Amino acid sequence: KTISAALQVSNSTVALVILKWKNFGTTRTLHTAGCPAKLRNRGRRALVRGMTNGLGQTELQSSSVEMEEPSRRTTISAALHQSGLYARVGRRKPLLSKRHMTALLEFAKRH
């Protein structure tokens, strides 16, 4: 508390700096692994929202340009894949015919 009062910063900031010093022996910003992400979380959430509301690929590209986010098709599809959305369509289930309905009823009555 005395350090935060002397520097006029919050207690949590001082605690985080001390924790960083104890863990890494420095207070400098350390390198992160990998390439920086093209899309921010906000942009990814907007793409998922647009896709679930029924927008297509071209509408998503134009909306991402308006949000000043990268708008490549591959970038958008990768972001949607990371969010668990894939371009799959459910298989059509055939309707029951009269013969199948009677067979089902007979089976149900027997068991």
PDB file of N, CA and C in Angstrom:
ATOM      1  N   LYS A   1       0.818  -1.197   0.000  1.00  0.00           N
ATOM      2  CA  LYS A   1       0.000   0.000   0.000  1.00  0.00           C
ATOM      3  C   LYS A   1       0.858   1.255   0.000  1.00  0.00           C
ATOM      4  N   THR A   2       1.986   1.191   0.679  1.00  0.00           N
ATOM      5  CA  THR A   2       2.855   2.374   0.723  1.00  0.00           C
ATOM      6  C   THR A   2       3.468   2.641  -0.650  1.00  0.00           C
ATOM      7  N   ILE A   3       3.812   1.551  -1.382  1.00  0.00           N
ATOM      8  CA  ILE A   3       4.387   1.728  -2.721  1.00  0.00           C
ATOM      9  C   ILE A   3       3.337   2.320  -3.659  1.00  0.00           C
ATOM     10  N   SER A   4       2.101   1.796  -3.592  1.00  0.00           N
ATOM     11  CA  SER A   4       1.055   2.289  -4.480  1.00  0.00           C
ATOM     12  C   SER A   4       0.695   3.740  -4.163  1.00  0.00           C
ATOM     13  N   ALA A   5       0.746   4.114  -2.865  1.00  0.00           N
ATOM     14  CA  ALA A   5       0.467   5.501  -2.504  1.00  0.00           C
ATOM     15  C   ALA A   5       1.585   6.421  -2.977  1.00  0.00           C
ATOM     16  N   ALA A   6       2.838   5.943  -2.891  1.00  0.00           N
ATOM     17  CA  ALA A   6       3.959   6.780  -3.311  1.00  0.00           C
ATOM     18  C   ALA A   6       3.979   6.977  -4.829  1.00  0.00           C
ATOM     19  N   LEU A   7       3.606   5.934  -5.573  1.00  0.00           N
ATOM     20  CA  LEU A   7       3.628   6.017  -7.037  1.00  0.00           C
ATOM     21  C   LEU A   7       2.288   6.447  -7.628  1.00  0.00           C
ATOM     22  N   GLN A   8       1.276   6.543  -6.795  1.00  0.00           N
ATOM     23  CA  GLN A   8      -0.077   6.905  -7.202  1.00  0.00           C
ATOM     24  C   GLN A   8      -0.633   5.963  -8.264  1.00  0.00           C
ATOM     25  N   VAL A   9      -0.468   4.661  -8.004  1.00  0.00           N
ATOM     26  CA  VAL A   9      -1.075   3.620  -8.832  1.00  0.00           C
ATOM     27  C   VAL A   9      -1.859   2.695  -7.915  1.00  0.00           C
ATOM     28  N   SER A  10      -2.691   1.830  -8.506  1.00  0.00           N
ATOM     29  CA  SER A  10      -3.540   0.968  -7.687  1.00  0.00           C
ATOM     30  C   SER A  10      -2.726  -0.155  -7.032  1.00  0.00           C
ATOM     31  N   ASN A  11      -3.309  -0.732  -5.979  1.00  0.00           N
ATOM     32  CA  ASN A  11      -2.658  -1.832  -5.270  1.00  0.00           C
ATOM     33  C   ASN A  11      -2.485  -3.046  -6.169  1.00  0.00           C
ATOM     34  N   SER A  12      -3.485  -3.310  -7.013  1.00  0.00           N
ATOM     35  CA  SER A  12      -3.410  -4.484  -7.884  1.00  0.00           C
ATOM     36  C   SER A  12      -2.267  -4.358  -8.885  1.00  0.00           C
ATOM     37  N   THR A  13      -2.000  -3.143  -9.367  1.00  0.00           N
ATOM     38  CA  THR A  13      -0.893  -2.939 -10.305  1.00  0.00           C
ATOM     39  C   THR A  13       0.434  -3.243  -9.632  1.00  0.00           C
ATOM     40  N   VAL A  14       0.610  -2.757  -8.409  1.00  0.00           N
ATOM     41  CA  VAL A  14       1.851  -3.017  -7.667  1.00  0.00           C
ATOM     42  C   VAL A  14       1.986  -4.510  -7.392  1.00  0.00           C
ATOM     43  N   ALA A  15       0.870  -5.166  -7.035  1.00  0.00           N
ATOM     44  CA  ALA A  15       0.913  -6.605  -6.747  1.00  0.00           C
ATOM     45  C   ALA A  15       1.302  -7.396  -7.991  1.00  0.00           C
ATOM     46  N   LEU A  16       0.766  -7.003  -9.149  1.00  0.00           N
ATOM     47  CA  LEU A  16       1.100  -7.708 -10.391  1.00  0.00           C
ATOM     48  C   LEU A  16       2.562  -7.516 -10.775  1.00  0.00           C
ATOM     49  N   VAL A  17       3.101  -6.324 -10.569  1.00  0.00           N
ATOM     50  CA  VAL A  17       4.508  -6.072 -10.885  1.00  0.00           C
ATOM     51  C   VAL A  17       5.413  -6.883  -9.964  1.00  0.00           C
ATOM     52  N   ILE A  18       5.054  -6.952  -8.689  1.00  0.00           N
ATOM     53  CA  ILE A  18       5.855  -7.740  -7.734  1.00  0.00           C
ATOM     54  C   ILE A  18       5.795  -9.219  -8.090  1.00  0.00           C
ATOM     55  N   LEU A  19       4.616  -9.706  -8.451  1.00  0.00           N
ATOM     56  CA  LEU A  19       4.463 -11.113  -8.838  1.00  0.00           C
ATOM     57  C   LEU A  19       5.272 -11.420 -10.094  1.00  0.00           C
ATOM     58  N   LYS A  20       5.280 -10.487 -11.049  1.00  0.00           N
ATOM     59  CA  LYS A  20       6.062 -10.680 -12.270  1.00  0.00           C
ATOM     60  C   LYS A  20       7.553 -10.720 -11.951  1.00  0.00           C
ATOM     61  N   TRP A  21       8.002  -9.873 -11.039  1.00  0.00           N
ATOM     62  CA  TRP A  21       9.415  -9.868 -10.647  1.00  0.00           C
ATOM     63  C   TRP A  21       9.794 -11.187  -9.975  1.00  0.00           C
ATOM     64  N   LYS A  22       8.912 -11.695  -9.122  1.00  0.00           N
ATOM     65  CA  LYS A  22       9.214 -12.953  -8.421  1.00  0.00           C
ATOM     66  C   LYS A  22       9.260 -14.133  -9.388  1.00  0.00           C
ATOM     67  N   ASN A  23       8.365 -14.146 -10.375  1.00  0.00           N
ATOM     68  CA  ASN A  23       8.303 -15.280 -11.299  1.00  0.00           C
ATOM     69  C   ASN A  23       9.395 -15.249 -12.351  1.00  0.00           C
ATOM     70  N   PHE A  24       9.660 -14.077 -12.939  1.00  0.00           N
ATOM     71  CA  PHE A  24      10.545 -14.014 -14.104  1.00  0.00           C
ATOM     72  C   PHE A  24      11.846 -13.256 -13.861  1.00  0.00           C
ATOM     73  N   GLY A  25      11.972 -12.556 -12.742  1.00  0.00           N
ATOM     74  CA  GLY A  25      13.195 -11.830 -12.449  1.00  0.00           C
ATOM     75  C   GLY A  25      13.337 -10.537 -13.227  1.00  0.00           C
ATOM     76  N   THR A  26      12.284 -10.108 -13.894  1.00  0.00           N
ATOM     77  CA  THR A  26      12.298  -8.861 -14.638  1.00  0.00           C
ATOM     78  C   THR A  26      10.880  -8.311 -14.692  1.00  0.00           C
ATOM     79  N   THR A  27      10.774  -7.014 -14.982  1.00  0.00           N
ATOM     80  CA  THR A  27       9.444  -6.419 -15.125  1.00  0.00           C
ATOM     81  C   THR A  27       9.161  -6.039 -16.570  1.00  0.00           C
ATOM     82  N   ARG A  28      10.073  -6.384 -17.475  1.00  0.00           N
ATOM     83  CA  ARG A  28       9.868  -6.077 -18.887  1.00  0.00           C
ATOM     84  C   ARG A  28       8.775  -6.958 -19.473  1.00  0.00           C
ATOM     85  N   THR A  29       8.173  -6.505 -20.548  1.00  0.00           N
ATOM     86  CA  THR A  29       7.161  -7.297 -21.236  1.00  0.00           C
ATOM     87  C   THR A  29       7.857  -8.445 -21.951  1.00  0.00           C
ATOM     88  N   LEU A  30       7.424  -9.660 -21.649  1.00  0.00           N
ATOM     89  CA  LEU A  30       8.065 -10.838 -22.215  1.00  0.00           C
ATOM     90  C   LEU A  30       7.420 -11.216 -23.545  1.00  0.00           C
ATOM     91  N   HIS A  31       8.160 -11.951 -24.364  1.00  0.00           N
ATOM     92  CA  HIS A  31       7.652 -12.399 -25.649  1.00  0.00           C
ATOM     93  C   HIS A  31       6.584 -13.455 -25.437  1.00  0.00           C
ATOM     94  N   THR A  32       5.581 -13.445 -26.317  1.00  0.00           N
ATOM     95  CA  THR A  32       4.568 -14.488 -26.295  1.00  0.00           C
ATOM     96  C   THR A  32       4.854 -15.457 -27.425  1.00  0.00           C
ATOM     97  N   ALA A  33       4.351 -16.660 -27.300  1.00  0.00           N
ATOM     98  CA  ALA A  33       4.601 -17.682 -28.305  1.00  0.00           C
ATOM     99  C   ALA A  33       3.702 -17.477 -29.505  1.00  0.00           C
ATOM    100  N   GLY A  34       4.248 -17.683 -30.687  1.00  0.00           N
ATOM    101  CA  GLY A  34       3.451 -17.676 -31.899  1.00  0.00           C
ATOM    102  C   GLY A  34       3.223 -16.305 -32.499  1.00  0.00           C
ATOM    103  N   CYS A  35       2.545 -16.337 -33.612  1.00  0.00           N
ATOM    104  CA  CYS A  35       2.228 -15.134 -34.377  1.00  0.00           C
ATOM    105  C   CYS A  35       1.028 -14.429 -33.747  1.00  0.00           C
ATOM    106  N   PRO A  36       0.987 -13.104 -33.731  1.00  0.00           N
ATOM    107  CA  PRO A  36      -0.180 -12.426 -33.166  1.00  0.00           C
ATOM    108  C   PRO A  36      -1.442 -12.711 -33.975  1.00  0.00           C
ATOM    109  N   ALA A  37      -2.567 -12.756 -33.309  1.00  0.00           N
ATOM    110  CA  ALA A  37      -3.823 -13.084 -33.963  1.00  0.00           C
ATOM    111  C   ALA A  37      -4.258 -11.952 -34.887  1.00  0.00           C
ATOM    112  N   LYS A  38      -4.824 -12.320 -36.050  1.00  0.00           N
ATOM    113  CA  LYS A  38      -5.293 -11.305 -36.984  1.00  0.00           C
ATOM    114  C   LYS A  38      -6.571 -10.657 -36.479  1.00  0.00           C
ATOM    115  N   LEU A  39      -7.462 -11.471 -35.911  1.00  0.00           N
ATOM    116  CA  LEU A  39      -8.741 -10.964 -35.427  1.00  0.00           C
ATOM    117  C   LEU A  39      -8.706 -10.791 -33.922  1.00  0.00           C
ATOM    118  N   ARG A  40      -9.296  -9.710 -33.446  1.00  0.00           N
ATOM    119  CA  ARG A  40      -9.467  -9.545 -32.017  1.00  0.00           C
ATOM    120  C   ARG A  40     -10.685 -10.355 -31.588  1.00  0.00           C
ATOM    121  N   ASN A  41     -10.826 -10.560 -30.287  1.00  0.00           N
ATOM    122  CA  ASN A  41     -11.968 -11.319 -29.781  1.00  0.00           C
ATOM    123  C   ASN A  41     -13.288 -10.659 -30.148  1.00  0.00           C
ATOM    124  N   ARG A  42     -13.295  -9.337 -30.144  1.00  0.00           N
ATOM    125  CA  ARG A  42     -14.510  -8.604 -30.480  1.00  0.00           C
ATOM    126  C   ARG A  42     -14.944  -8.894 -31.915  1.00  0.00           C
ATOM    127  N   GLY A  43     -13.981  -8.896 -32.827  1.00  0.00           N
ATOM    128  CA  GLY A  43     -14.280  -9.186 -34.228  1.00  0.00           C
ATOM    129  C   GLY A  43     -14.741 -10.614 -34.429  1.00  0.00           C
ATOM    130  N   ARG A  44     -14.111 -11.556 -33.714  1.00  0.00           N
ATOM    131  CA  ARG A  44     -14.501 -12.962 -33.818  1.00  0.00           C
ATOM    132  C   ARG A  44     -15.933 -13.158 -33.330  1.00  0.00           C
ATOM    133  N   ARG A  45     -16.270 -12.507 -32.213  1.00  0.00           N
ATOM    134  CA  ARG A  45     -17.636 -12.632 -31.682  1.00  0.00           C
ATOM    135  C   ARG A  45     -18.649 -12.034 -32.660  1.00  0.00           C
ATOM    136  N   ALA A  46     -18.277 -10.925 -33.313  1.00  0.00           N
ATOM    137  CA  ALA A  46     -19.183 -10.306 -34.288  1.00  0.00           C
ATOM    138  C   ALA A  46     -19.399 -11.229 -35.488  1.00  0.00           C
ATOM    139  N   LEU A  47     -18.347 -11.910 -35.937  1.00  0.00           N
ATOM    140  CA  LEU A  47     -18.486 -12.849 -37.049  1.00  0.00           C
ATOM    141  C   LEU A  47     -19.398 -14.014 -36.679  1.00  0.00           C
ATOM    142  N   VAL A  48     -19.223 -14.551 -35.471  1.00  0.00           N
ATOM    143  CA  VAL A  48     -20.061 -15.669 -35.025  1.00  0.00           C
ATOM    144  C   VAL A  48     -21.512 -15.215 -34.931  1.00  0.00           C
ATOM    145  N   ARG A  49     -21.731 -14.008 -34.399  1.00  0.00           N
ATOM    146  CA  ARG A  49     -23.084 -13.476 -34.279  1.00  0.00           C
ATOM    147  C   ARG A  49     -23.724 -13.318 -35.655  1.00  0.00           C
ATOM    148  N   GLY A  50     -22.944 -12.799 -36.624  1.00  0.00           N
ATOM    149  CA  GLY A  50     -23.465 -12.626 -37.972  1.00  0.00           C
ATOM    150  C   GLY A  50     -23.785 -13.956 -38.631  1.00  0.00           C
ATOM    151  N   MET A  51     -22.934 -14.955 -38.421  1.00  0.00           N
ATOM    152  CA  MET A  51     -23.159 -16.253 -39.037  1.00  0.00           C
ATOM    153  C   MET A  51     -24.386 -16.940 -38.449  1.00  0.00           C
ATOM    154  N   THR A  52     -24.570 -16.829 -37.144  1.00  0.00           N
ATOM    155  CA  THR A  52     -25.739 -17.468 -36.529  1.00  0.00           C
ATOM    156  C   THR A  52     -27.025 -16.724 -36.867  1.00  0.00           C
ATOM    157  N   ASN A  53     -26.927 -15.445 -37.256  1.00  0.00           N
ATOM    158  CA  ASN A  53     -28.116 -14.696 -37.673  1.00  0.00           C
ATOM    159  C   ASN A  53     -28.432 -14.894 -39.150  1.00  0.00           C
ATOM    160  N   GLY A  54     -27.645 -15.690 -39.847  1.00  0.00           N
ATOM    161  CA  GLY A  54     -27.969 -16.039 -41.226  1.00  0.00           C
ATOM    162  C   GLY A  54     -27.229 -15.253 -42.289  1.00  0.00           C
ATOM    163  N   LEU A  55     -26.187 -14.531 -41.934  1.00  0.00           N
ATOM    164  CA  LEU A  55     -25.413 -13.812 -42.950  1.00  0.00           C
ATOM    165  C   LEU A  55     -24.499 -14.786 -43.684  1.00  0.00           C
ATOM    166  N   GLY A  56     -24.245 -14.498 -44.964  1.00  0.00           N
ATOM    167  CA  GLY A  56     -23.359 -15.336 -45.749  1.00  0.00           C
ATOM    168  C   GLY A  56     -21.919 -14.837 -45.685  1.00  0.00           C
ATOM    169  N   GLN A  57     -21.061 -15.499 -46.471  1.00  0.00           N
ATOM    170  CA  GLN A  57     -19.630 -15.180 -46.457  1.00  0.00           C
ATOM    171  C   GLN A  57     -19.363 -13.760 -46.950  1.00  0.00           C
ATOM    172  N   THR A  58     -20.047 -13.335 -48.019  1.00  0.00           N
ATOM    173  CA  THR A  58     -19.773 -12.006 -48.565  1.00  0.00           C
ATOM    174  C   THR A  58     -20.257 -10.909 -47.618  1.00  0.00           C
ATOM    175  N   GLU A  59     -21.403 -11.139 -46.973  1.00  0.00           N
ATOM    176  CA  GLU A  59     -21.893 -10.145 -46.007  1.00  0.00           C
ATOM    177  C   GLU A  59     -20.949 -10.036 -44.823  1.00  0.00           C
ATOM    178  N   LEU A  60     -20.399 -11.179 -44.396  1.00  0.00           N
ATOM    179  CA  LEU A  60     -19.440 -11.164 -43.286  1.00  0.00           C
ATOM    180  C   LEU A  60     -18.174 -10.413 -43.682  1.00  0.00           C
ATOM    181  N   GLN A  61     -17.727 -10.596 -44.933  1.00  0.00           N
ATOM    182  CA  GLN A  61     -16.533  -9.890 -45.374  1.00  0.00           C
ATOM    183  C   GLN A  61     -16.763  -8.390 -45.387  1.00  0.00           C
ATOM    184  N   SER A  62     -17.917  -7.954 -45.879  1.00  0.00           N
ATOM    185  CA  SER A  62     -18.181  -6.519 -45.926  1.00  0.00           C
ATOM    186  C   SER A  62     -18.352  -5.944 -44.526  1.00  0.00           C
ATOM    187  N   SER A  63     -18.960  -6.710 -43.614  1.00  0.00           N
ATOM    188  CA  SER A  63     -19.117  -6.210 -42.243  1.00  0.00           C
ATOM    189  C   SER A  63     -17.774  -6.146 -41.522  1.00  0.00           C
ATOM    190  N   SER A  64     -16.875  -7.083 -41.815  1.00  0.00           N
ATOM    191  CA  SER A  64     -15.568  -7.035 -41.161  1.00  0.00           C
ATOM    192  C   SER A  64     -14.730  -5.875 -41.691  1.00  0.00           C
ATOM    193  N   VAL A  65     -14.931  -5.483 -42.944  1.00  0.00           N
ATOM    194  CA  VAL A  65     -14.240  -4.306 -43.481  1.00  0.00           C
ATOM    195  C   VAL A  65     -14.739  -3.055 -42.768  1.00  0.00           C
ATOM    196  N   GLU A  66     -16.052  -2.998 -42.514  1.00  0.00           N
ATOM    197  CA  GLU A  66     -16.612  -1.845 -41.798  1.00  0.00           C
ATOM    198  C   GLU A  66     -16.064  -1.753 -40.375  1.00  0.00           C
ATOM    199  N   MET A  67     -15.784  -2.915 -39.753  1.00  0.00           N
ATOM    200  CA  MET A  67     -15.241  -2.925 -38.392  1.00  0.00           C
ATOM    201  C   MET A  67     -13.734  -2.761 -38.375  1.00  0.00           C
ATOM    202  N   GLU A  68     -13.131  -2.571 -39.557  1.00  0.00           N
ATOM    203  CA  GLU A  68     -11.680  -2.419 -39.705  1.00  0.00           C
ATOM    204  C   GLU A  68     -10.933  -3.654 -39.208  1.00  0.00           C
ATOM    205  N   GLU A  69     -11.466  -4.822 -39.562  1.00  0.00           N
ATOM    206  CA  GLU A  69     -10.839  -6.107 -39.256  1.00  0.00           C
ATOM    207  C   GLU A  69     -10.416  -6.746 -40.582  1.00  0.00           C
ATOM    208  N   PRO A  70      -9.465  -7.690 -40.552  1.00  0.00           N
ATOM    209  CA  PRO A  70      -9.085  -8.392 -41.779  1.00  0.00           C
ATOM    210  C   PRO A  70     -10.290  -9.143 -42.363  1.00  0.00           C
ATOM    211  N   SER A  71     -10.411  -9.146 -43.694  1.00  0.00           N
ATOM    212  CA  SER A  71     -11.627  -9.696 -44.283  1.00  0.00           C
ATOM    213  C   SER A  71     -11.348 -10.784 -45.303  1.00  0.00           C
ATOM    214  N   ARG A  72     -10.248 -11.489 -45.190  1.00  0.00           N
ATOM    215  CA  ARG A  72     -10.008 -12.604 -46.106  1.00  0.00           C
ATOM    216  C   ARG A  72     -10.952 -13.742 -45.785  1.00  0.00           C
ATOM    217  N   ARG A  73     -11.282 -14.501 -46.813  1.00  0.00           N
ATOM    218  CA  ARG A  73     -12.185 -15.638 -46.645  1.00  0.00           C
ATOM    219  C   ARG A  73     -11.584 -16.673 -45.699  1.00  0.00           C
ATOM    220  N   THR A  74     -10.272 -16.903 -45.838  1.00  0.00           N
ATOM    221  CA  THR A  74      -9.624 -17.901 -44.997  1.00  0.00           C
ATOM    222  C   THR A  74      -9.554 -17.447 -43.539  1.00  0.00           C
ATOM    223  N   THR A  75      -9.340 -16.140 -43.324  1.00  0.00           N
ATOM    224  CA  THR A  75      -9.300 -15.615 -41.957  1.00  0.00           C
ATOM    225  C   THR A  75     -10.655 -15.763 -41.287  1.00  0.00           C
ATOM    226  N   ILE A  76     -11.718 -15.461 -42.039  1.00  0.00           N
ATOM    227  CA  ILE A  76     -13.066 -15.560 -41.486  1.00  0.00           C
ATOM    228  C   ILE A  76     -13.413 -17.009 -41.191  1.00  0.00           C
ATOM    229  N   SER A  77     -13.091 -17.925 -42.106  1.00  0.00           N
ATOM    230  CA  SER A  77     -13.436 -19.331 -41.872  1.00  0.00           C
ATOM    231  C   SER A  77     -12.621 -19.907 -40.720  1.00  0.00           C
ATOM    232  N   ALA A  78     -11.358 -19.480 -40.569  1.00  0.00           N
ATOM    233  CA  ALA A  78     -10.547 -19.959 -39.444  1.00  0.00           C
ATOM    234  C   ALA A  78     -11.113 -19.467 -38.121  1.00  0.00           C
ATOM    235  N   ALA A  79     -11.583 -18.219 -38.094  1.00  0.00           N
ATOM    236  CA  ALA A  79     -12.180 -17.682 -36.867  1.00  0.00           C
ATOM    237  C   ALA A  79     -13.461 -18.422 -36.520  1.00  0.00           C
ATOM    238  N   LEU A  80     -14.259 -18.745 -37.535  1.00  0.00           N
ATOM    239  CA  LEU A  80     -15.498 -19.486 -37.286  1.00  0.00           C
ATOM    240  C   LEU A  80     -15.197 -20.906 -36.824  1.00  0.00           C
ATOM    241  N   HIS A  81     -14.152 -21.521 -37.370  1.00  0.00           N
ATOM    242  CA  HIS A  81     -13.772 -22.866 -36.940  1.00  0.00           C
ATOM    243  C   HIS A  81     -13.308 -22.862 -35.488  1.00  0.00           C
ATOM    244  N   GLN A  82     -12.549 -21.825 -35.103  1.00  0.00           N
ATOM    245  CA  GLN A  82     -12.101 -21.737 -33.713  1.00  0.00           C
ATOM    246  C   GLN A  82     -13.271 -21.588 -32.762  1.00  0.00           C
ATOM    247  N   SER A  83     -14.350 -20.988 -33.253  1.00  0.00           N
ATOM    248  CA  SER A  83     -15.535 -20.803 -32.419  1.00  0.00           C
ATOM    249  C   SER A  83     -16.466 -21.997 -32.478  1.00  0.00           C
ATOM    250  N   GLY A  84     -16.112 -23.036 -33.247  1.00  0.00           N
ATOM    251  CA  GLY A  84     -16.903 -24.258 -33.280  1.00  0.00           C
ATOM    252  C   GLY A  84     -17.966 -24.282 -34.360  1.00  0.00           C
ATOM    253  N   LEU A  85     -17.898 -23.378 -35.335  1.00  0.00           N
ATOM    254  CA  LEU A  85     -18.880 -23.366 -36.425  1.00  0.00           C
ATOM    255  C   LEU A  85     -18.245 -23.943 -37.675  1.00  0.00           C
ATOM    256  N   TYR A  86     -18.907 -24.926 -38.276  1.00  0.00           N
ATOM    257  CA  TYR A  86     -18.414 -25.566 -39.484  1.00  0.00           C
ATOM    258  C   TYR A  86     -19.529 -25.566 -40.523  1.00  0.00           C
ATOM    259  N   ALA A  87     -19.173 -25.592 -41.800  1.00  0.00           N
ATOM    260  CA  ALA A  87     -20.165 -25.581 -42.880  1.00  0.00           C
ATOM    261  C   ALA A  87     -20.629 -27.010 -43.139  1.00  0.00           C
ATOM    262  N   ARG A  88     -21.531 -27.471 -42.302  1.00  0.00           N
ATOM    263  CA  ARG A  88     -22.081 -28.814 -42.473  1.00  0.00           C
ATOM    264  C   ARG A  88     -23.597 -28.721 -42.485  1.00  0.00           C
ATOM    265  N   VAL A  89     -24.202 -29.559 -43.294  1.00  0.00           N
ATOM    266  CA  VAL A  89     -25.661 -29.596 -43.393  1.00  0.00           C
ATOM    267  C   VAL A  89     -26.117 -30.976 -42.959  1.00  0.00           C
ATOM    268  N   GLY A  90     -27.176 -31.023 -42.170  1.00  0.00           N
ATOM    269  CA  GLY A  90     -27.679 -32.302 -41.689  1.00  0.00           C
ATOM    270  C   GLY A  90     -28.240 -33.148 -42.816  1.00  0.00           C
ATOM    271  N   ARG A  91     -28.116 -34.438 -42.674  1.00  0.00           N
ATOM    272  CA  ARG A  91     -28.599 -35.358 -43.687  1.00  0.00           C
ATOM    273  C   ARG A  91     -30.119 -35.438 -43.624  1.00  0.00           C
ATOM    274  N   ARG A  92     -30.764 -35.497 -44.790  1.00  0.00           N
ATOM    275  CA  ARG A  92     -32.218 -35.587 -44.835  1.00  0.00           C
ATOM    276  C   ARG A  92     -32.676 -36.959 -44.393  1.00  0.00           C
ATOM    277  N   LYS A  93     -33.675 -36.989 -43.534  1.00  0.00           N
ATOM    278  CA  LYS A  93     -34.221 -38.254 -43.078  1.00  0.00           C
ATOM    279  C   LYS A  93     -35.450 -38.567 -43.924  1.00  0.00           C
ATOM    280  N   PRO A  94     -35.527 -39.750 -44.510  1.00  0.00           N
ATOM    281  CA  PRO A  94     -36.679 -40.050 -45.362  1.00  0.00           C
ATOM    282  C   PRO A  94     -37.955 -40.152 -44.534  1.00  0.00           C
ATOM    283  N   LEU A  95     -39.071 -39.732 -45.133  1.00  0.00           N
ATOM    284  CA  LEU A  95     -40.355 -39.830 -44.462  1.00  0.00           C
ATOM    285  C   LEU A  95     -40.797 -41.290 -44.388  1.00  0.00           C
ATOM    286  N   LEU A  96     -41.610 -41.594 -43.386  1.00  0.00           N
ATOM    287  CA  LEU A  96     -42.096 -42.966 -43.233  1.00  0.00           C
ATOM    288  C   LEU A  96     -43.206 -43.252 -44.238  1.00  0.00           C
ATOM    289  N   SER A  97     -43.101 -44.413 -44.856  1.00  0.00           N
ATOM    290  CA  SER A  97     -44.172 -44.828 -45.758  1.00  0.00           C
ATOM    291  C   SER A  97     -45.251 -45.549 -44.948  1.00  0.00           C
ATOM    292  N   LYS A  98     -46.385 -45.827 -45.590  1.00  0.00           N
ATOM    293  CA  LYS A  98     -47.493 -46.516 -44.904  1.00  0.00           C
ATOM    294  C   LYS A  98     -47.041 -47.877 -44.398  1.00  0.00           C
ATOM    295  N   ARG A  99     -46.275 -48.562 -45.217  1.00  0.00           N
ATOM    296  CA  ARG A  99     -45.811 -49.912 -44.852  1.00  0.00           C
ATOM    297  C   ARG A  99     -44.909 -49.849 -43.625  1.00  0.00           C
ATOM    298  N   HIS A 100     -44.011 -48.835 -43.576  1.00  0.00           N
ATOM    299  CA  HIS A 100     -43.116 -48.705 -42.430  1.00  0.00           C
ATOM    300  C   HIS A 100     -43.886 -48.329 -41.161  1.00  0.00           C
ATOM    301  N   MET A 101     -44.925 -47.474 -41.314  1.00  0.00           N
ATOM    302  CA  MET A 101     -45.715 -47.082 -40.143  1.00  0.00           C
ATOM    303  C   MET A 101     -46.433 -48.275 -39.538  1.00  0.00           C
ATOM    304  N   THR A 102     -47.013 -49.130 -40.401  1.00  0.00           N
ATOM    305  CA  THR A 102     -47.715 -50.308 -39.875  1.00  0.00           C
ATOM    306  C   THR A 102     -46.723 -51.279 -39.241  1.00  0.00           C
ATOM    307  N   ALA A 103     -45.543 -51.411 -39.825  1.00  0.00           N
ATOM    308  CA  ALA A 103     -44.530 -52.306 -39.260  1.00  0.00           C
ATOM    309  C   ALA A 103     -44.079 -51.791 -37.900  1.00  0.00           C
ATOM    310  N   LEU A 104     -43.918 -50.467 -37.753  1.00  0.00           N
ATOM    311  CA  LEU A 104     -43.539 -49.881 -36.466  1.00  0.00           C
ATOM    312  C   LEU A 104     -44.610 -50.119 -35.412  1.00  0.00           C
ATOM    313  N   LEU A 105     -45.877 -49.944 -35.789  1.00  0.00           N
ATOM    314  CA  LEU A 105     -46.976 -50.163 -34.855  1.00  0.00           C
ATOM    315  C   LEU A 105     -47.036 -51.613 -34.389  1.00  0.00           C
ATOM    316  N   GLU A 106     -46.850 -52.525 -35.322  1.00  0.00           N
ATOM    317  CA  GLU A 106     -46.868 -53.953 -34.960  1.00  0.00           C
ATOM    318  C   GLU A 106     -45.716 -54.291 -34.016  1.00  0.00           C
ATOM    319  N   PHE A 107     -44.542 -53.733 -34.294  1.00  0.00           N
ATOM    320  CA  PHE A 107     -43.387 -53.966 -33.425  1.00  0.00           C
ATOM    321  C   PHE A 107     -43.637 -53.424 -32.029  1.00  0.00           C
ATOM    322  N   ALA A 108     -44.231 -52.219 -31.963  1.00  0.00           N
ATOM    323  CA  ALA A 108     -44.507 -51.606 -30.663  1.00  0.00           C
ATOM    324  C   ALA A 108     -45.528 -52.401 -29.879  1.00  0.00           C
ATOM    325  N   LYS A 109     -46.532 -52.936 -30.573  1.00  0.00           N
ATOM    326  CA  LYS A 109     -47.549 -53.734 -29.878  1.00  0.00           C
ATOM    327  C   LYS A 109     -46.965 -55.054 -29.373  1.00  0.00           C
ATOM    328  N   ARG A 110     -46.064 -55.647 -30.133  1.00  0.00           N
ATOM    329  CA  ARG A 110     -45.451 -56.905 -29.709  1.00  0.00           C
ATOM    330  C   ARG A 110     -44.499 -56.708 -28.524  1.00  0.00           C
ATOM    331  N   HIS A 111     -43.826 -55.582 -28.474  1.00  0.00           N
ATOM    332  CA  HIS A 111     -42.836 -55.374 -27.426  1.00  0.00           C
ATOM    333  C   HIS A 111     -43.368 -54.368 -26.494  1.00  0.00           C
TER     334      HIS A 111
END
